[in-house]
Amino acid sequence: MTTPNDYRAIARKTDRPMWIWAGCALVSVLLLFGAGIAVAITLLSRDDTDTGAELPEVWPSDRAQALRPVTMPTGEMVAALTDETGAQVLCQAIPEQRWEEILGDRTLREAGSSCHAITTKLDVSVQMIPALPEDTSRGMPTKTSVAGKLAVIATDKDGTSLSVELVEVAPHNGASPVLHVSLRSRIVKSPETEKKARALAEALIAGVTPPGPKLPKIGKDGEIALEKTEPGPIKDRPLPVISWLLCGELGRALGVPVDNAKPTFFAACELNGVTADYSELSTAVTPTTTIAGLPAQIDGRGVFVQLTDDPAGQTLKFKGTGDLPALAEKVVPPLLGR
């Protein structure tokens, strides 16, 4: 016969699994909640690190050029390059791997009026400019120091603009002695840019200013002191070096000493009443003849020789007295390395 004690024993046996089931259910809920938090954190983290714009399938862009072999400047001569040569130099002053280490992503580079580089998150422009900016599109810049040199920097939510004075500007008006680095975000949530701008500037400064010659002092009318230079091509040379090369070739073609030659900083030289002037970009040549096998235009202003396939590109202009076409025939070939 069943007693009350027996019923209490049965009740205790049936109560025990109910507590276990309740505990299991609570643990399951907590585990699911924790898993949800972990997934959310992962997705948010992925948004922070993986979101980026697409790299273009066609590179370089229509308005720029692919990188090509170029001689690196030394000393202060990076401040005296033509725009396209300067862009090529700045793009290649440090290896591709170093660009990607600094910017933190695969990097595409091209040369135009500046060195232009992009990653999935950043749009970067680097060029030499005449002076430190007094203001920028990002507001008033703050004075600072980069690689021990005077610099100004401005940063906002969209990026950073950093300019560094590599060479003292005052005696070199007409040169481009300031390195300008601009980092702009390509995505809605801008990555950190100031630290990257500083690191890039420091790396480029080391790459383009190894020991070498100083810039010549530039006079009121652009004149510089004459330096006798070994003959050679003018391609990618600093502007004052082009001037000295022009002086040398004029002297040889005219058969006179170059001691009285008058070079200017801007790739020109005058000797014995004749001026030879190099231009990276000029009024388009309308060929009327050829000089040294190149398209040339002869008119009342002088002789214009087209040095590249672009009629509005690099030219050599000769003006003054005497038989200028014959003079140009002698001067042009060695300046092109022929």
Protein backbone atom coordinates (compact mmCIF):
# COMPACT_ATOMS: atom_id res chain seq x y z
CA MET A 1 0.00 0.00 0.00
CA THR A 2 1.32 3.41 -0.98
CA THR A 3 2.05 5.88 1.80
CA PRO A 4 2.35 9.70 1.79
CA ASN A 5 6.14 9.37 1.99
CA ASP A 6 6.08 7.38 -1.24
CA TYR A 7 4.17 10.20 -3.04
CA ARG A 8 6.71 12.79 -1.79
CA ALA A 9 9.58 10.65 -3.13
CA ILE A 10 7.90 10.38 -6.54
CA ALA A 11 7.35 14.15 -6.60
CA ARG A 12 11.04 14.83 -5.87
CA LYS A 13 12.08 12.52 -8.72
CA THR A 14 9.79 14.26 -11.23
CA ASP A 15 10.77 17.80 -10.04
CA ARG A 16 14.49 17.32 -10.60
CA PRO A 17 14.41 17.16 -14.50
CA MET A 18 12.26 20.33 -14.65
CA TRP A 19 15.05 22.39 -13.06
CA ILE A 20 17.61 20.87 -15.40
CA TRP A 21 15.48 21.71 -18.46
CA ALA A 22 14.99 25.28 -17.27
CA GLY A 23 18.74 25.69 -16.76
CA CYS A 24 19.52 24.29 -20.20
CA ALA A 25 17.04 26.65 -21.81
CA LEU A 26 18.61 29.65 -20.05
CA VAL A 27 22.13 28.64 -21.12
CA SER A 28 20.95 28.22 -24.71
CA VAL A 29 19.44 31.70 -24.75
CA LEU A 30 22.65 33.22 -23.39
CA LEU A 31 24.76 31.36 -25.94
CA LEU A 32 22.55 32.54 -28.81
CA PHE A 33 22.70 36.13 -27.51
CA GLY A 34 26.50 35.97 -27.30
CA ALA A 35 26.75 34.52 -30.78
CA GLY A 36 24.59 37.37 -32.12
CA ILE A 37 26.89 39.95 -30.51
CA ALA A 38 29.95 38.23 -31.99
CA VAL A 39 28.44 38.24 -35.49
CA ALA A 40 27.52 41.93 -35.18
CA ILE A 41 31.04 42.84 -34.08
CA THR A 42 32.51 40.87 -36.98
CA LEU A 43 30.25 42.60 -39.49
CA LEU A 44 31.04 46.04 -38.10
CA SER A 45 34.76 45.27 -38.11
CA ARG A 46 34.48 44.10 -41.71
CA ASP A 47 32.78 47.38 -42.62
CA ASP A 48 35.70 49.29 -41.07
CA THR A 49 38.45 47.37 -42.84
CA ASP A 50 37.08 45.95 -46.07
CA THR A 51 34.92 48.75 -47.47
CA GLY A 52 36.65 50.55 -50.32
CA ALA A 53 36.23 51.90 -53.81
CA GLU A 54 37.11 49.77 -56.82
CA LEU A 55 40.51 50.20 -58.45
CA PRO A 56 40.12 51.16 -62.13
CA GLU A 57 40.47 48.40 -64.71
CA VAL A 58 42.28 50.74 -67.14
CA TRP A 59 45.46 52.41 -65.85
CA PRO A 60 47.03 54.90 -66.32
CA SER A 61 44.08 57.23 -66.85
CA ASP A 62 43.50 59.16 -70.08
CA ARG A 63 45.19 62.33 -68.86
CA ALA A 64 48.32 60.75 -67.42
CA GLN A 65 51.28 58.61 -68.42
CA ALA A 66 52.63 55.29 -67.30
CA LEU A 67 55.83 55.31 -65.28
CA ARG A 68 59.00 55.22 -67.38
CA PRO A 69 62.71 55.01 -66.57
CA VAL A 70 63.95 58.35 -65.26
CA THR A 71 67.19 59.58 -63.69
CA MET A 72 66.83 60.47 -60.04
CA PRO A 73 67.98 63.97 -59.03
CA THR A 74 70.50 64.65 -56.27
CA GLY A 75 71.02 67.49 -53.84
CA GLU A 76 68.46 70.25 -54.33
CA MET A 77 67.81 69.64 -58.03
CA VAL A 78 64.39 68.05 -57.46
CA ALA A 79 63.20 71.66 -57.07
CA ALA A 80 64.22 72.44 -60.67
CA LEU A 81 62.55 69.72 -62.74
CA THR A 82 59.84 70.16 -65.35
CA ASP A 83 56.37 69.09 -64.17
CA GLU A 84 56.23 65.74 -65.99
CA THR A 85 59.78 64.76 -65.07
CA GLY A 86 59.14 65.80 -61.47
CA ALA A 87 56.00 63.65 -61.38
CA GLN A 88 57.90 60.64 -62.73
CA VAL A 89 60.68 61.18 -60.16
CA LEU A 90 58.31 61.51 -57.20
CA CYS A 91 56.34 58.42 -58.21
CA GLN A 92 59.54 56.37 -58.38
CA ALA A 93 61.62 57.89 -55.57
CA ILE A 94 60.59 54.98 -53.35
CA PRO A 95 59.77 51.40 -54.43
CA GLU A 96 56.21 50.27 -55.09
CA GLN A 97 56.36 48.05 -52.02
CA ARG A 98 57.17 51.05 -49.83
CA TRP A 99 54.20 53.00 -51.25
CA GLU A 100 51.94 50.10 -50.31
CA GLU A 101 53.44 49.75 -46.84
CA ILE A 102 52.79 53.43 -46.12
CA LEU A 103 49.31 53.62 -47.67
CA GLY A 104 48.31 50.19 -46.38
CA ASP A 105 46.93 48.78 -49.62
CA ARG A 106 47.69 47.94 -53.22
CA THR A 107 48.72 51.18 -54.94
CA LEU A 108 48.47 52.33 -58.56
CA ARG A 109 50.69 55.24 -59.70
CA GLU A 110 50.74 57.48 -62.76
CA ALA A 111 52.50 60.68 -63.83
CA GLY A 112 50.87 63.87 -65.08
CA SER A 113 51.35 67.38 -63.77
CA SER A 114 51.85 65.58 -60.44
CA CYS A 115 52.50 62.07 -59.23
CA HIS A 116 49.03 60.58 -58.78
CA ALA A 117 48.42 57.39 -56.78
CA ILE A 118 45.27 55.62 -55.65
CA THR A 119 44.30 52.74 -53.39
CA THR A 120 40.81 51.42 -52.69
CA LYS A 121 40.50 54.03 -49.93
CA LEU A 122 42.83 56.92 -50.79
CA ASP A 123 43.50 59.36 -53.62
CA VAL A 124 47.07 60.74 -53.37
CA SER A 125 48.75 63.61 -55.21
CA VAL A 126 52.42 64.57 -54.83
CA GLN A 127 54.19 67.45 -56.56
CA MET A 128 56.76 70.22 -56.14
CA ILE A 129 55.27 73.71 -55.71
CA PRO A 130 56.79 77.23 -55.48
CA ALA A 131 56.06 78.06 -51.81
CA LEU A 132 54.39 76.94 -48.61
CA PRO A 133 50.64 77.59 -48.86
CA GLU A 134 49.10 80.24 -46.62
CA ASP A 135 45.75 78.50 -46.74
CA THR A 136 44.28 75.36 -48.27
CA SER A 137 40.93 73.94 -49.25
CA ARG A 138 40.99 72.29 -45.82
CA GLY A 139 41.42 75.58 -43.97
CA MET A 140 44.36 77.36 -42.38
CA PRO A 141 47.41 75.10 -42.19
CA THR A 142 49.39 74.59 -38.98
CA LYS A 143 53.17 74.96 -38.88
CA THR A 144 55.06 71.78 -38.08
CA SER A 145 58.30 69.97 -38.92
CA VAL A 146 58.90 67.01 -41.21
CA ALA A 147 62.35 65.40 -41.59
CA GLY A 148 63.76 68.42 -39.76
CA LYS A 149 62.32 70.86 -42.33
CA LEU A 150 59.70 73.58 -42.03
CA ALA A 151 56.26 72.32 -43.03
CA VAL A 152 52.58 73.20 -42.81
CA ILE A 153 49.75 70.71 -42.46
CA ALA A 154 45.96 70.84 -42.63
CA THR A 155 43.66 67.91 -41.90
CA ASP A 156 39.89 67.52 -41.97
CA LYS A 157 37.41 64.67 -42.22
CA ASP A 158 38.21 64.14 -45.92
CA GLY A 159 42.00 64.01 -45.77
CA THR A 160 45.32 65.76 -45.20
CA SER A 161 47.36 68.38 -47.06
CA LEU A 162 51.06 68.56 -46.13
CA SER A 163 53.72 70.87 -47.60
CA VAL A 164 57.44 70.72 -46.74
CA GLU A 165 60.06 73.33 -47.69
CA LEU A 166 62.98 71.27 -49.03
CA VAL A 167 65.02 74.30 -50.14
CA GLU A 168 64.91 77.86 -48.82
CA VAL A 169 62.49 79.69 -51.12
CA ALA A 170 63.74 83.31 -50.94
CA PRO A 171 66.90 83.02 -53.11
CA HIS A 172 65.15 80.59 -55.45
CA ASN A 173 61.99 82.36 -56.55
CA GLY A 174 61.02 80.68 -59.81
CA ALA A 175 61.97 77.23 -58.58
CA SER A 176 59.59 74.72 -56.98
CA PRO A 177 61.31 73.99 -53.66
CA VAL A 178 58.29 72.78 -51.66
CA LEU A 179 57.10 69.17 -51.61
CA HIS A 180 53.29 69.04 -51.49
CA VAL A 181 51.52 65.83 -50.44
CA SER A 182 47.73 65.53 -50.52
CA LEU A 183 45.79 62.50 -49.27
CA ARG A 184 42.04 62.48 -49.90
CA SER A 185 39.55 59.77 -48.97
CA ARG A 186 37.81 57.81 -51.74
CA ILE A 187 35.22 56.36 -49.33
CA VAL A 188 32.53 57.76 -47.05
CA LYS A 189 34.28 56.82 -43.83
CA SER A 190 37.71 58.46 -44.19
CA PRO A 191 40.74 56.44 -43.06
CA GLU A 192 43.48 58.04 -40.96
CA THR A 193 45.50 60.30 -43.28
CA GLU A 194 47.81 62.60 -41.30
CA LYS A 195 50.16 59.85 -40.16
CA LYS A 196 50.31 58.41 -43.69
CA ALA A 197 50.98 61.86 -45.20
CA ARG A 198 53.91 62.41 -42.86
CA ALA A 199 55.36 58.96 -43.49
CA LEU A 200 55.05 59.38 -47.27
CA ALA A 201 56.67 62.84 -47.20
CA GLU A 202 59.59 61.58 -45.11
CA ALA A 203 60.18 58.63 -47.43
CA LEU A 204 60.03 60.80 -50.57
CA ILE A 205 62.38 63.44 -49.13
CA ALA A 206 64.99 60.76 -48.43
CA GLY A 207 64.53 59.40 -51.95
CA VAL A 208 64.88 62.65 -53.91
CA THR A 209 67.51 64.53 -51.89
CA PRO A 210 70.63 62.34 -51.67
CA PRO A 211 73.89 64.33 -51.44
CA GLY A 212 74.44 66.49 -54.50
CA PRO A 213 74.55 70.02 -55.92
CA LYS A 214 72.68 73.01 -54.54
CA LEU A 215 70.30 75.10 -56.60
CA PRO A 216 71.92 78.17 -58.13
CA LYS A 217 70.82 81.51 -56.78
CA ILE A 218 68.24 83.04 -59.10
CA GLY A 219 68.57 86.73 -59.96
CA LYS A 220 65.85 89.31 -60.43
CA ASP A 221 65.40 88.48 -64.13
CA GLY A 222 65.93 84.75 -63.70
CA GLU A 223 69.65 84.86 -64.39
CA ILE A 224 72.00 82.28 -62.87
CA ALA A 225 75.76 81.89 -62.82
CA LEU A 226 77.33 79.98 -65.70
CA GLU A 227 78.62 76.48 -65.01
CA LYS A 228 80.48 74.57 -67.68
CA THR A 229 78.84 71.18 -68.08
CA GLU A 230 79.78 68.03 -69.96
CA PRO A 231 77.78 67.73 -73.22
CA GLY A 232 74.74 65.49 -73.11
CA PRO A 233 71.00 65.21 -73.76
CA ILE A 234 68.58 67.57 -72.03
CA LYS A 235 65.87 64.96 -71.42
CA ASP A 236 64.74 64.90 -67.77
CA ARG A 237 67.54 67.24 -66.68
CA PRO A 238 66.95 70.03 -64.13
CA LEU A 239 66.18 73.42 -65.70
CA PRO A 240 69.50 75.13 -64.85
CA VAL A 241 71.42 72.14 -66.21
CA ILE A 242 69.46 72.42 -69.46
CA SER A 243 70.49 76.10 -69.58
CA TRP A 244 74.16 75.23 -69.15
CA LEU A 245 73.91 72.53 -71.84
CA LEU A 246 72.30 75.06 -74.21
CA CYS A 247 75.16 77.49 -73.54
CA GLY A 248 77.73 74.83 -74.34
CA GLU A 249 76.12 73.79 -77.61
CA LEU A 250 75.62 77.41 -78.70
CA GLY A 251 79.31 78.06 -78.08
CA ARG A 252 80.37 75.03 -80.12
CA ALA A 253 77.97 75.82 -82.97
CA LEU A 254 79.00 79.48 -83.09
CA GLY A 255 82.66 78.68 -82.62
CA VAL A 256 83.08 81.07 -79.67
CA PRO A 257 83.97 80.66 -75.99
CA VAL A 258 81.02 80.33 -73.62
CA ASP A 259 82.51 82.62 -70.97
CA ASN A 260 80.15 85.45 -71.97
CA ALA A 261 77.06 83.27 -72.14
CA LYS A 262 74.02 84.34 -70.10
CA PRO A 263 72.03 81.38 -68.80
CA THR A 264 68.74 81.75 -66.95
CA PHE A 265 67.14 79.36 -64.50
CA PHE A 266 64.30 78.68 -66.95
CA ALA A 267 66.16 76.49 -69.48
CA ALA A 268 67.47 79.25 -71.76
CA CYS A 269 70.81 80.75 -72.75
CA GLU A 270 71.90 83.81 -74.72
CA LEU A 271 75.29 84.01 -76.43
CA ASN A 272 76.54 86.39 -79.13
CA GLY A 273 73.08 87.78 -79.83
CA VAL A 274 71.44 84.35 -80.18
CA THR A 275 69.04 82.85 -77.63
CA ALA A 276 68.17 79.15 -77.34
CA ASP A 277 65.10 78.47 -75.21
CA TYR A 278 63.67 75.09 -74.17
CA SER A 279 59.98 74.78 -73.29
CA GLU A 280 58.12 71.77 -71.87
CA LEU A 281 54.77 73.11 -73.11
CA SER A 282 54.40 75.78 -75.77
CA THR A 283 52.22 77.23 -78.48
CA ALA A 284 51.62 74.48 -81.04
CA VAL A 285 54.23 74.21 -83.78
CA THR A 286 52.82 74.45 -87.30
CA PRO A 287 55.58 72.72 -89.27
CA THR A 288 56.89 74.47 -92.37
CA THR A 289 60.13 72.48 -92.66
CA THR A 290 62.33 70.07 -90.72
CA ILE A 291 65.37 70.69 -88.52
CA ALA A 292 67.58 67.71 -87.69
CA GLY A 293 64.78 65.51 -89.06
CA LEU A 294 62.19 67.02 -86.69
CA PRO A 295 59.12 69.14 -87.53
CA ALA A 296 60.00 72.82 -87.39
CA GLN A 297 58.40 76.19 -87.93
CA ILE A 298 60.30 79.22 -89.23
CA ASP A 299 58.71 82.67 -89.06
CA GLY A 300 59.52 86.21 -88.03
CA ARG A 301 59.76 85.18 -84.37
CA GLY A 302 62.53 82.66 -84.98
CA VAL A 303 62.95 78.91 -85.42
CA PHE A 304 60.78 76.47 -83.43
CA VAL A 305 61.77 72.79 -83.36
CA GLN A 306 59.21 70.22 -82.18
CA LEU A 307 60.98 67.64 -80.00
CA THR A 308 58.10 65.18 -79.42
CA ASP A 309 55.05 63.88 -81.27
CA ASP A 310 52.92 66.52 -79.54
CA PRO A 311 52.93 69.80 -81.53
CA ALA A 312 52.17 71.68 -78.29
CA GLY A 313 54.76 69.76 -76.30
CA GLN A 314 58.50 70.17 -75.87
CA THR A 315 60.18 72.63 -78.21
CA LEU A 316 63.48 74.39 -78.75
CA LYS A 317 63.19 77.99 -79.89
CA PHE A 318 66.03 79.94 -81.50
CA LYS A 319 65.90 83.68 -82.04
CA GLY A 320 68.43 86.37 -82.80
CA THR A 321 70.86 87.20 -85.58
CA GLY A 322 72.52 85.06 -88.22
CA ASP A 323 71.48 81.87 -89.99
CA LEU A 324 69.24 80.39 -87.31
CA PRO A 325 68.14 77.25 -89.24
CA ALA A 326 71.76 76.29 -89.86
CA LEU A 327 72.60 76.97 -86.23
CA ALA A 328 69.66 74.84 -85.06
CA GLU A 329 70.81 71.97 -87.29
CA LYS A 330 74.07 71.90 -85.29
CA VAL A 331 72.65 72.50 -81.83
CA VAL A 332 69.64 70.15 -81.74
CA PRO A 333 71.18 66.67 -82.31
CA PRO A 334 73.57 66.61 -79.32
CA LEU A 335 70.84 67.97 -77.05
CA LEU A 336 68.75 64.94 -78.01
CA GLY A 337 71.63 62.53 -77.46
CA ARG A 338 72.30 61.88 -81.13
